Amino acid sequence: MRIYKAKDYDEMSRKAANIISAQVILKPDCVLGLATGSTPIGTYKKLIEWYEKGDLDFSEVTSVNLDEYKGLDKENDQSYYYFMHTNFFNYVNISPDSINLPNGMEPDSDKECARYDEVIRSVGGVDLQLLGLGHNGHIGFNEPAEEFKKGTHCVDLQASTIEANARFFASMDEVPKQAYTMGIRTIMSAKKILVVVSGADKAGIVKKAFTGPVTPHVPASLLQMHSDVTVVGDAAALSELDI
């Protein structure tokens, strides 16, 4: 595991975008696993900037997103489909046919999870998986549990995650209580993993996840077992690490 300390959010975003850019340049038809949340937004902005300058070409790239809320349609401004298009896809030349997310409007969880696992298999797996890090150590929506969930599954979101998401909705009743998410095995099957983390409020979980014991109670801790993980964090997020 390589850990890079950036001085601030902007530098963190630039370093992360550099790693993704290198992947796209070295393998133009790569499969990118993409994440939502506030932390990756700066990374996407850098990638858009470099695309607009002519330095990047996403025309052969395939994307697979980590997760999607169950029960939100594509037009809902809190869906991850909406997030990815308004923060990235609408501004680069990735083919709409090459964009993949779980279908939040599929009520049959078993059917949707099987479909999405087949999508990931059919594109040959993920070359580079971008991840954020939740306050409770979740990656994707793999919440702390008694065991690691392997494939795509429907998860009941923990109270802390629901509360963290509440600021994006008009009322607590509107906050989704479930989500479809890639499983830990799928994430760990990616050839490379890039984790972005920002803010002093993440310092404690960063230390637990990347220096503590490997446990499903801190899902991100399993990343310690992957052969090619890069963590890029700002100084505040990495403040409890001895680096």
Protein backbone atom coordinates (compact mmCIF):
# COMPACT_ATOMS: atom_id res chain seq x y z
CA MET A 1 0.00 0.00 0.00
CA ARG A 2 1.35 3.37 -1.07
CA ILE A 3 0.17 6.43 0.85
CA TYR A 4 0.67 9.93 -0.54
CA LYS A 5 0.11 12.97 1.63
CA ALA A 6 -1.15 16.06 -0.17
CA LYS A 7 -1.09 19.46 1.49
CA ASP A 8 -4.76 20.16 0.78
CA TYR A 9 -7.87 18.97 -1.08
CA ASP A 10 -6.83 20.53 -4.38
CA GLU A 11 -3.45 18.80 -4.39
CA MET A 12 -5.10 15.53 -3.36
CA SER A 13 -7.50 15.83 -6.30
CA ARG A 14 -4.69 16.57 -8.73
CA LYS A 15 -2.58 13.61 -7.55
CA ALA A 16 -5.55 11.27 -7.81
CA ALA A 17 -6.46 12.57 -11.27
CA ASN A 18 -2.86 12.02 -12.38
CA ILE A 19 -3.11 8.34 -11.42
CA ILE A 20 -6.40 7.90 -13.31
CA SER A 21 -5.01 9.81 -16.30
CA ALA A 22 -2.00 7.51 -16.45
CA GLN A 23 -4.33 4.49 -16.52
CA VAL A 24 -6.37 5.94 -19.40
CA ILE A 25 -3.28 6.92 -21.39
CA LEU A 26 -1.55 3.56 -20.91
CA LYS A 27 -4.70 1.56 -21.67
CA PRO A 28 -7.22 3.66 -23.63
CA ASP A 29 -9.86 0.90 -23.47
CA CYS A 30 -9.54 0.44 -19.72
CA VAL A 31 -12.37 -0.26 -17.31
CA LEU A 32 -12.65 2.38 -14.61
CA GLY A 33 -14.52 1.65 -11.40
CA LEU A 34 -15.92 4.98 -10.25
CA ALA A 35 -17.16 6.36 -6.95
CA THR A 36 -19.53 9.08 -5.85
CA GLY A 37 -19.49 11.31 -2.78
CA SER A 38 -18.00 14.71 -2.12
CA THR A 39 -14.35 13.62 -2.01
CA PRO A 40 -13.94 12.53 -5.67
CA ILE A 41 -15.59 15.65 -7.12
CA GLY A 42 -12.28 17.53 -7.29
CA THR A 43 -10.67 14.58 -9.04
CA TYR A 44 -13.41 14.54 -11.66
CA LYS A 45 -13.02 18.29 -12.17
CA LYS A 46 -9.30 17.84 -12.89
CA LEU A 47 -10.01 15.04 -15.37
CA ILE A 48 -12.58 17.23 -17.14
CA GLU A 49 -10.08 20.09 -17.28
CA TRP A 50 -7.43 17.90 -18.86
CA TYR A 51 -9.94 16.41 -21.29
CA GLU A 52 -10.94 19.92 -22.39
CA LYS A 53 -7.27 20.72 -22.99
CA GLY A 54 -7.00 17.68 -25.25
CA ASP A 55 -4.75 15.72 -22.91
CA LEU A 56 -7.23 12.88 -22.26
CA ASP A 57 -9.53 10.77 -24.41
CA PHE A 58 -12.29 8.72 -22.78
CA SER A 59 -13.85 7.45 -26.02
CA GLU A 60 -12.73 3.85 -25.45
CA VAL A 61 -13.16 3.80 -21.66
CA THR A 62 -15.79 1.67 -19.95
CA SER A 63 -17.05 2.69 -16.51
CA VAL A 64 -18.69 0.66 -13.76
CA ASN A 65 -19.93 2.51 -10.72
CA LEU A 66 -19.69 1.17 -7.20
CA ASP A 67 -23.26 1.65 -6.12
CA GLU A 68 -26.68 3.20 -6.46
CA TYR A 69 -29.51 3.94 -4.06
CA LYS A 70 -32.40 1.50 -4.30
CA GLY A 71 -35.64 3.28 -5.12
CA LEU A 72 -34.21 6.40 -6.79
CA ASP A 73 -34.72 6.86 -10.52
CA LYS A 74 -32.11 8.33 -12.86
CA GLU A 75 -33.74 11.76 -12.88
CA ASN A 76 -33.64 12.11 -9.10
CA ASP A 77 -30.95 14.66 -8.32
CA GLN A 78 -29.70 12.50 -5.45
CA SER A 79 -29.26 9.35 -7.53
CA TYR A 80 -25.72 8.33 -8.33
CA TYR A 81 -26.65 8.17 -12.02
CA TYR A 82 -27.47 11.88 -11.81
CA PHE A 83 -24.35 12.61 -9.75
CA MET A 84 -21.99 10.92 -12.21
CA HIS A 85 -23.50 12.63 -15.23
CA THR A 86 -23.56 16.12 -13.71
CA ASN A 87 -20.08 15.83 -12.20
CA PHE A 88 -18.24 13.91 -14.91
CA PHE A 89 -19.90 12.00 -17.76
CA ASN A 90 -21.64 15.01 -19.35
CA TYR A 91 -18.30 16.79 -19.80
CA VAL A 92 -16.09 14.08 -21.35
CA ASN A 93 -16.37 11.90 -24.45
CA ILE A 94 -17.16 8.59 -22.79
CA SER A 95 -19.76 6.66 -24.77
CA PRO A 96 -23.18 6.45 -23.06
CA ASP A 97 -23.21 2.75 -24.00
CA SER A 98 -20.04 2.24 -21.94
CA ILE A 99 -21.47 3.68 -18.70
CA ASN A 100 -22.69 1.15 -16.16
CA LEU A 101 -24.42 1.62 -12.81
CA PRO A 102 -26.73 -0.56 -10.75
CA ASN A 103 -30.39 0.03 -11.59
CA GLY A 104 -31.89 1.56 -8.47
CA MET A 105 -35.42 1.10 -9.81
CA GLU A 106 -35.20 -2.68 -10.06
CA PRO A 107 -37.25 -3.96 -7.10
CA ASP A 108 -35.96 -7.53 -7.37
CA SER A 109 -32.67 -7.40 -5.48
CA ASP A 110 -31.47 -10.87 -6.49
CA LYS A 111 -32.16 -10.13 -10.16
CA GLU A 112 -30.36 -6.78 -10.14
CA CYS A 113 -27.35 -8.04 -8.21
CA ALA A 114 -26.92 -10.97 -10.60
CA ARG A 115 -27.27 -8.64 -13.59
CA TYR A 116 -24.65 -6.21 -12.32
CA ASP A 117 -22.17 -8.95 -11.45
CA GLU A 118 -22.57 -10.20 -15.03
CA VAL A 119 -21.97 -6.69 -16.39
CA ILE A 120 -18.68 -6.44 -14.49
CA ARG A 121 -17.67 -9.93 -15.61
CA SER A 122 -18.57 -9.19 -19.23
CA VAL A 123 -16.32 -6.12 -19.45
CA GLY A 124 -13.37 -8.11 -18.12
CA GLY A 125 -13.24 -6.74 -14.61
CA VAL A 126 -11.97 -3.42 -13.34
CA ASP A 127 -8.53 -2.06 -14.22
CA LEU A 128 -8.58 0.79 -11.70
CA GLN A 129 -11.13 1.19 -8.93
CA LEU A 130 -11.60 4.63 -7.36
CA LEU A 131 -12.85 4.58 -3.77
CA GLY A 132 -13.80 7.05 -1.09
CA LEU A 133 -13.82 6.11 2.58
CA GLY A 134 -16.88 6.36 4.82
CA HIS A 135 -16.69 7.55 8.40
CA ASN A 136 -17.46 4.03 9.59
CA GLY A 137 -14.95 2.45 7.21
CA HIS A 138 -17.37 1.54 4.46
CA ILE A 139 -16.22 1.32 0.86
CA GLY A 140 -18.99 1.48 -1.68
CA PHE A 141 -21.91 0.72 0.59
CA ASN A 142 -20.21 -2.24 2.19
CA GLU A 143 -21.11 -1.38 5.78
CA PRO A 144 -19.48 -2.78 8.93
CA ALA A 145 -20.76 -6.33 9.41
CA GLU A 146 -19.92 -9.73 10.80
CA GLU A 147 -18.57 -10.91 7.45
CA PHE A 148 -17.39 -9.50 4.15
CA LYS A 149 -20.09 -9.55 1.47
CA LYS A 150 -18.58 -10.87 -1.75
CA GLY A 151 -20.60 -9.94 -4.82
CA THR A 152 -23.06 -7.19 -5.67
CA HIS A 153 -25.74 -7.07 -2.99
CA CYS A 154 -28.53 -4.96 -1.60
CA VAL A 155 -27.52 -3.45 1.72
CA ASP A 156 -29.53 -1.91 4.55
CA LEU A 157 -27.72 1.35 5.22
CA GLN A 158 -26.57 1.96 8.78
CA ALA A 159 -27.99 4.82 10.80
CA SER A 160 -24.70 6.74 10.61
CA THR A 161 -24.70 6.55 6.80
CA ILE A 162 -28.36 7.58 6.58
CA GLU A 163 -27.67 10.53 8.88
CA ALA A 164 -24.62 11.54 6.84
CA ASN A 165 -26.75 11.51 3.68
CA ALA A 166 -29.69 13.37 5.23
CA ARG A 167 -28.24 16.78 4.40
CA PHE A 168 -28.88 16.07 0.71
CA PHE A 169 -32.61 15.46 1.14
CA ALA A 170 -35.55 17.64 2.11
CA SER A 171 -36.50 15.35 4.98
CA MET A 172 -35.22 12.25 6.76
CA ASP A 173 -38.15 10.28 5.31
CA GLU A 174 -36.78 10.82 1.80
CA VAL A 175 -33.32 9.44 2.57
CA PRO A 176 -32.89 5.99 0.98
CA LYS A 177 -32.53 3.17 3.46
CA GLN A 178 -31.09 0.65 1.01
CA ALA A 179 -28.56 0.61 -1.81
CA TYR A 180 -27.12 -1.73 -4.39
CA THR A 181 -23.35 -1.99 -4.08
CA MET A 182 -20.41 -3.90 -5.47
CA GLY A 183 -19.22 -6.46 -2.98
CA ILE A 184 -15.83 -6.66 -1.32
CA ARG A 185 -14.69 -9.51 -3.58
CA THR A 186 -15.53 -7.46 -6.66
CA ILE A 187 -13.64 -4.45 -5.34
CA MET A 188 -10.66 -6.58 -4.34
CA SER A 189 -10.62 -8.14 -7.83
CA ALA A 190 -9.72 -4.78 -9.40
CA LYS A 191 -6.17 -4.75 -10.74
CA LYS A 192 -5.45 -1.40 -9.07
CA ILE A 193 -7.27 0.49 -6.32
CA LEU A 194 -7.09 4.23 -5.66
CA VAL A 195 -8.50 5.62 -2.41
CA VAL A 196 -9.09 9.36 -1.96
CA VAL A 197 -9.71 10.75 1.50
CA SER A 198 -9.99 14.31 2.79
CA GLY A 199 -10.64 16.14 6.03
CA ALA A 200 -9.74 15.86 9.70
CA ASP A 201 -13.01 14.04 10.39
CA LYS A 202 -11.63 11.06 8.46
CA ALA A 203 -8.31 10.86 10.34
CA GLY A 204 -9.48 8.31 12.89
CA ILE A 205 -10.98 5.89 10.39
CA VAL A 206 -7.96 6.27 8.10
CA LYS A 207 -5.74 5.02 10.91
CA LYS A 208 -8.09 2.12 11.71
CA ALA A 209 -8.54 1.11 8.10
CA PHE A 210 -4.94 1.22 6.96
CA THR A 211 -2.93 0.40 10.09
CA GLY A 212 -5.39 -1.57 12.23
CA PRO A 213 -6.48 -5.20 12.11
CA VAL A 214 -8.26 -6.54 9.03
CA THR A 215 -11.88 -6.98 10.05
CA PRO A 216 -15.33 -6.80 8.40
CA HIS A 217 -16.21 -4.32 11.15
CA VAL A 218 -13.93 -1.91 9.23
CA PRO A 219 -14.57 -3.00 5.63
CA ALA A 220 -11.82 -0.82 4.13
CA SER A 221 -9.25 -2.63 6.27
CA LEU A 222 -9.27 -5.50 3.76
CA LEU A 223 -7.57 -3.19 1.28
CA GLN A 224 -4.38 -3.87 3.24
CA MET A 225 -4.42 -7.32 1.61
CA HIS A 226 -4.56 -6.03 -1.99
CA SER A 227 -1.33 -6.01 -3.99
CA ASP A 228 -1.76 -2.60 -5.63
CA VAL A 229 -3.48 0.06 -3.50
CA THR A 230 -2.68 3.76 -3.54
CA VAL A 231 -4.13 6.08 -0.91
CA VAL A 232 -4.08 9.81 -1.63
CA GLY A 233 -5.15 11.99 1.25
CA ASP A 234 -4.79 15.55 2.39
CA ALA A 235 -2.71 16.36 5.46
CA ALA A 236 -5.76 16.56 7.71
CA ALA A 237 -7.07 13.13 6.79
CA LEU A 238 -3.64 11.53 7.22
CA SER A 239 -2.79 13.41 10.40
CA GLU A 240 -2.93 10.33 12.65
CA LEU A 241 -0.61 8.28 10.45
CA ASP A 242 3.10 8.18 11.15
CA ILE A 243 4.21 9.41 7.72
